[in-house]
Amino acid sequence: MTTDKIQPVYGLTNPSDREAARKPMQRFGSVIGLKPEKEQYYRQLHANTWPQVLEQLQRSNVQNFSIYATELAGKRYLFSYFEYTGDDYEADMEKMAEDPETRRWWLETDPCQIQLPDRRDGDNWSVMEMVFLMD
């Protein structure tokens, strides 16, 4: 079964992107592959995330950020969720990407990950579509 013909369905428990963007907080879910041989190192990094990276996330209006690991069909994946409370997501993400300490962090974490083929140009993680929301 392909997803080419599947269309979003919006309603009370699944707002459209336009409706979600008008809320004071936006939610983001994404997925990326995880190299099995790098998983232990990835876990060690995230057990003691560098304070400067956490501070930059806060300055970029990111909160309630979590990452989960799972195995599907014998492959390892990471799922992330975060909430964005600012008013210019693109600008805040650009500022984060320009931060030297965040860039240094990504030099450690990126080699642990496997980019998926459906990700948007310039993204490491593949953005997931929300299909349910209970506020």
C-alpha atoms as a PDB file:
ATOM      1  CA  MET A   1       0.000   0.000   0.000  1.00  0.00           C
ATOM      2  CA  THR A   2       1.389   3.403  -0.983  1.00  0.00           C
ATOM      3  CA  THR A   3       0.631   6.693   0.697  1.00  0.00           C
ATOM      4  CA  ASP A   4       0.390   8.615  -2.611  1.00  0.00           C
ATOM      5  CA  LYS A   5      -3.430   8.639  -2.514  1.00  0.00           C
ATOM      6  CA  ILE A   6      -3.859   9.113   1.221  1.00  0.00           C
ATOM      7  CA  GLN A   7      -5.013  12.644   2.002  1.00  0.00           C
ATOM      8  CA  PRO A   8      -4.984  14.428   5.362  1.00  0.00           C
ATOM      9  CA  VAL A   9      -8.290  14.437   7.205  1.00  0.00           C
ATOM     10  CA  TYR A  10      -8.822  17.393   9.517  1.00  0.00           C
ATOM     11  CA  GLY A  11     -11.340  17.723  12.314  1.00  0.00           C
ATOM     12  CA  LEU A  12     -11.713  18.517  15.999  1.00  0.00           C
ATOM     13  CA  THR A  13      -8.869  16.192  17.009  1.00  0.00           C
ATOM     14  CA  ASN A  14      -6.600  16.871  14.007  1.00  0.00           C
ATOM     15  CA  PRO A  15      -6.192  20.561  13.142  1.00  0.00           C
ATOM     16  CA  SER A  16      -4.862  21.581   9.731  1.00  0.00           C
ATOM     17  CA  ASP A  17      -1.333  22.990   9.531  1.00  0.00           C
ATOM     18  CA  ARG A  18      -2.857  26.478   9.203  1.00  0.00           C
ATOM     19  CA  GLU A  19      -4.988  26.003  12.326  1.00  0.00           C
ATOM     20  CA  ALA A  20      -2.070  24.495  14.265  1.00  0.00           C
ATOM     21  CA  ALA A  21       0.196  27.421  13.317  1.00  0.00           C
ATOM     22  CA  ARG A  22      -2.289  29.857  14.904  1.00  0.00           C
ATOM     23  CA  LYS A  23      -2.002  28.152  18.282  1.00  0.00           C
ATOM     24  CA  PRO A  24       0.428  29.599  20.864  1.00  0.00           C
ATOM     25  CA  MET A  25       2.397  26.353  20.708  1.00  0.00           C
ATOM     26  CA  GLN A  26       3.212  24.146  17.708  1.00  0.00           C
ATOM     27  CA  ARG A  27       4.076  20.453  17.998  1.00  0.00           C
ATOM     28  CA  PHE A  28       6.659  18.653  15.887  1.00  0.00           C
ATOM     29  CA  GLY A  29       7.330  14.935  15.485  1.00  0.00           C
ATOM     30  CA  SER A  30      10.130  13.492  13.374  1.00  0.00           C
ATOM     31  CA  VAL A  31      11.945  10.225  12.731  1.00  0.00           C
ATOM     32  CA  ILE A  32      15.448   9.176  11.677  1.00  0.00           C
ATOM     33  CA  GLY A  33      17.361   5.905  11.509  1.00  0.00           C
ATOM     34  CA  LEU A  34      19.872   4.976  14.200  1.00  0.00           C
ATOM     35  CA  LYS A  35      23.099   3.112  13.457  1.00  0.00           C
ATOM     36  CA  PRO A  36      23.168   0.113  15.815  1.00  0.00           C
ATOM     37  CA  GLU A  37      26.925   0.367  16.296  1.00  0.00           C
ATOM     38  CA  LYS A  38      26.525   4.017  17.397  1.00  0.00           C
ATOM     39  CA  GLU A  39      23.471   3.627  19.633  1.00  0.00           C
ATOM     40  CA  GLN A  40      25.407   3.308  22.900  1.00  0.00           C
ATOM     41  CA  TYR A  41      27.418   6.452  22.142  1.00  0.00           C
ATOM     42  CA  TYR A  42      24.216   8.318  21.165  1.00  0.00           C
ATOM     43  CA  ARG A  43      22.636   7.325  24.472  1.00  0.00           C
ATOM     44  CA  GLN A  44      25.728   8.461  26.395  1.00  0.00           C
ATOM     45  CA  LEU A  45      25.680  11.848  24.658  1.00  0.00           C
ATOM     46  CA  HIS A  46      22.028  12.401  25.492  1.00  0.00           C
ATOM     47  CA  ALA A  47      22.402  11.282  29.105  1.00  0.00           C
ATOM     48  CA  ASN A  48      24.567  14.372  29.617  1.00  0.00           C
ATOM     49  CA  THR A  49      23.603  16.840  26.902  1.00  0.00           C
ATOM     50  CA  TRP A  50      25.903  19.828  26.836  1.00  0.00           C
ATOM     51  CA  PRO A  51      24.439  22.788  28.774  1.00  0.00           C
ATOM     52  CA  GLN A  52      25.111  25.210  25.886  1.00  0.00           C
ATOM     53  CA  VAL A  53      23.019  23.037  23.556  1.00  0.00           C
ATOM     54  CA  LEU A  54      20.130  22.996  26.037  1.00  0.00           C
ATOM     55  CA  GLU A  55      20.387  26.770  26.440  1.00  0.00           C
ATOM     56  CA  GLN A  56      20.278  27.261  22.657  1.00  0.00           C
ATOM     57  CA  LEU A  57      17.165  25.096  22.415  1.00  0.00           C
ATOM     58  CA  GLN A  58      15.496  27.307  25.021  1.00  0.00           C
ATOM     59  CA  ARG A  59      16.598  30.495  23.207  1.00  0.00           C
ATOM     60  CA  SER A  60      15.086  28.989  20.039  1.00  0.00           C
ATOM     61  CA  ASN A  61      11.719  28.596  21.784  1.00  0.00           C
ATOM     62  CA  VAL A  62      11.895  24.782  21.897  1.00  0.00           C
ATOM     63  CA  GLN A  63      10.451  23.072  24.954  1.00  0.00           C
ATOM     64  CA  ASN A  64       9.232  19.655  26.060  1.00  0.00           C
ATOM     65  CA  PHE A  65      11.756  18.007  23.714  1.00  0.00           C
ATOM     66  CA  SER A  66      12.063  14.231  23.875  1.00  0.00           C
ATOM     67  CA  ILE A  67      13.690  11.508  21.785  1.00  0.00           C
ATOM     68  CA  TYR A  68      12.628   7.853  21.803  1.00  0.00           C
ATOM     69  CA  ALA A  69      14.415   4.793  20.396  1.00  0.00           C
ATOM     70  CA  THR A  70      12.660   1.777  18.928  1.00  0.00           C
ATOM     71  CA  GLU A  71      13.190  -1.165  16.609  1.00  0.00           C
ATOM     72  CA  LEU A  72      10.956  -1.811  13.590  1.00  0.00           C
ATOM     73  CA  ALA A  73      11.468  -4.743  11.235  1.00  0.00           C
ATOM     74  CA  GLY A  74      14.983  -5.289  12.594  1.00  0.00           C
ATOM     75  CA  LYS A  75      16.114  -1.666  12.145  1.00  0.00           C
ATOM     76  CA  ARG A  76      16.697   0.960  14.840  1.00  0.00           C
ATOM     77  CA  TYR A  77      14.902   4.314  14.726  1.00  0.00           C
ATOM     78  CA  LEU A  78      14.698   7.506  16.760  1.00  0.00           C
ATOM     79  CA  PHE A  79      11.468   9.452  17.159  1.00  0.00           C
ATOM     80  CA  SER A  80      11.558  13.024  18.420  1.00  0.00           C
ATOM     81  CA  TYR A  81       8.846  15.289  19.727  1.00  0.00           C
ATOM     82  CA  PHE A  82       9.076  18.935  20.720  1.00  0.00           C
ATOM     83  CA  GLU A  83       6.932  21.977  21.205  1.00  0.00           C
ATOM     84  CA  TYR A  84       7.724  25.350  19.655  1.00  0.00           C
ATOM     85  CA  THR A  85       6.436  28.496  21.390  1.00  0.00           C
ATOM     86  CA  GLY A  86       8.002  31.260  19.298  1.00  0.00           C
ATOM     87  CA  ASP A  87       6.503  33.219  16.426  1.00  0.00           C
ATOM     88  CA  ASP A  88       9.124  32.653  13.695  1.00  0.00           C
ATOM     89  CA  TYR A  89      10.071  28.984  13.525  1.00  0.00           C
ATOM     90  CA  GLU A  90      12.329  29.292  10.461  1.00  0.00           C
ATOM     91  CA  ALA A  91      14.325  32.178  11.969  1.00  0.00           C
ATOM     92  CA  ASP A  92      14.708  30.395  15.308  1.00  0.00           C
ATOM     93  CA  MET A  93      15.915  27.218  13.586  1.00  0.00           C
ATOM     94  CA  GLU A  94      18.410  29.242  11.524  1.00  0.00           C
ATOM     95  CA  LYS A  95      19.798  30.833  14.696  1.00  0.00           C
ATOM     96  CA  MET A  96      20.163  27.393  16.232  1.00  0.00           C
ATOM     97  CA  ALA A  97      21.961  26.104  13.144  1.00  0.00           C
ATOM     98  CA  GLU A  98      24.386  29.040  13.347  1.00  0.00           C
ATOM     99  CA  ASP A  99      25.275  28.400  16.988  1.00  0.00           C
ATOM    100  CA  PRO A 100      28.863  27.034  17.151  1.00  0.00           C
ATOM    101  CA  GLU A 101      28.231  24.746  20.137  1.00  0.00           C
ATOM    102  CA  THR A 102      25.093  23.288  18.544  1.00  0.00           C
ATOM    103  CA  ARG A 103      27.024  22.686  15.321  1.00  0.00           C
ATOM    104  CA  ARG A 104      29.733  20.917  17.347  1.00  0.00           C
ATOM    105  CA  TRP A 105      27.004  18.789  19.023  1.00  0.00           C
ATOM    106  CA  TRP A 106      25.645  17.803  15.618  1.00  0.00           C
ATOM    107  CA  LEU A 107      29.147  16.702  14.586  1.00  0.00           C
ATOM    108  CA  GLU A 108      28.867  14.131  17.388  1.00  0.00           C
ATOM    109  CA  THR A 109      25.233  13.068  16.858  1.00  0.00           C
ATOM    110  CA  ASP A 110      24.884  13.109  13.051  1.00  0.00           C
ATOM    111  CA  PRO A 111      27.263  10.155  12.457  1.00  0.00           C
ATOM    112  CA  CYS A 112      25.018   8.063  14.734  1.00  0.00           C
ATOM    113  CA  GLN A 113      21.979   8.634  12.534  1.00  0.00           C
ATOM    114  CA  ILE A 114      20.731   7.330   9.190  1.00  0.00           C
ATOM    115  CA  GLN A 115      18.842   9.905   7.155  1.00  0.00           C
ATOM    116  CA  LEU A 116      15.655   8.543   5.627  1.00  0.00           C
ATOM    117  CA  PRO A 117      14.984   9.012   1.914  1.00  0.00           C
ATOM    118  CA  ASP A 118      11.756  11.011   2.365  1.00  0.00           C
ATOM    119  CA  ARG A 119      13.255  13.867   4.377  1.00  0.00           C
ATOM    120  CA  ARG A 120      13.040  17.434   3.098  1.00  0.00           C
ATOM    121  CA  ASP A 121      16.120  18.983   1.514  1.00  0.00           C
ATOM    122  CA  GLY A 122      18.414  20.324   4.218  1.00  0.00           C
ATOM    123  CA  ASP A 123      16.790  18.299   7.016  1.00  0.00           C
ATOM    124  CA  ASN A 124      18.396  15.387   8.837  1.00  0.00           C
ATOM    125  CA  TRP A 125      15.197  14.140  10.434  1.00  0.00           C
ATOM    126  CA  SER A 126      12.044  13.282   8.452  1.00  0.00           C
ATOM    127  CA  VAL A 127       9.069  15.336   9.611  1.00  0.00           C
ATOM    128  CA  MET A 128       6.044  13.303  10.636  1.00  0.00           C
ATOM    129  CA  GLU A 129       2.448  14.292   9.972  1.00  0.00           C
ATOM    130  CA  MET A 130       0.187  14.730  12.981  1.00  0.00           C
ATOM    131  CA  VAL A 131      -3.064  12.759  12.693  1.00  0.00           C
ATOM    132  CA  PHE A 132      -4.422  13.143  16.245  1.00  0.00           C
ATOM    133  CA  LEU A 133      -4.309  15.817  18.930  1.00  0.00           C
ATOM    134  CA  MET A 134      -5.953  15.889  22.316  1.00  0.00           C
ATOM    135  CA  ASP A 135      -5.314  19.248  23.989  1.00  0.00           C
END
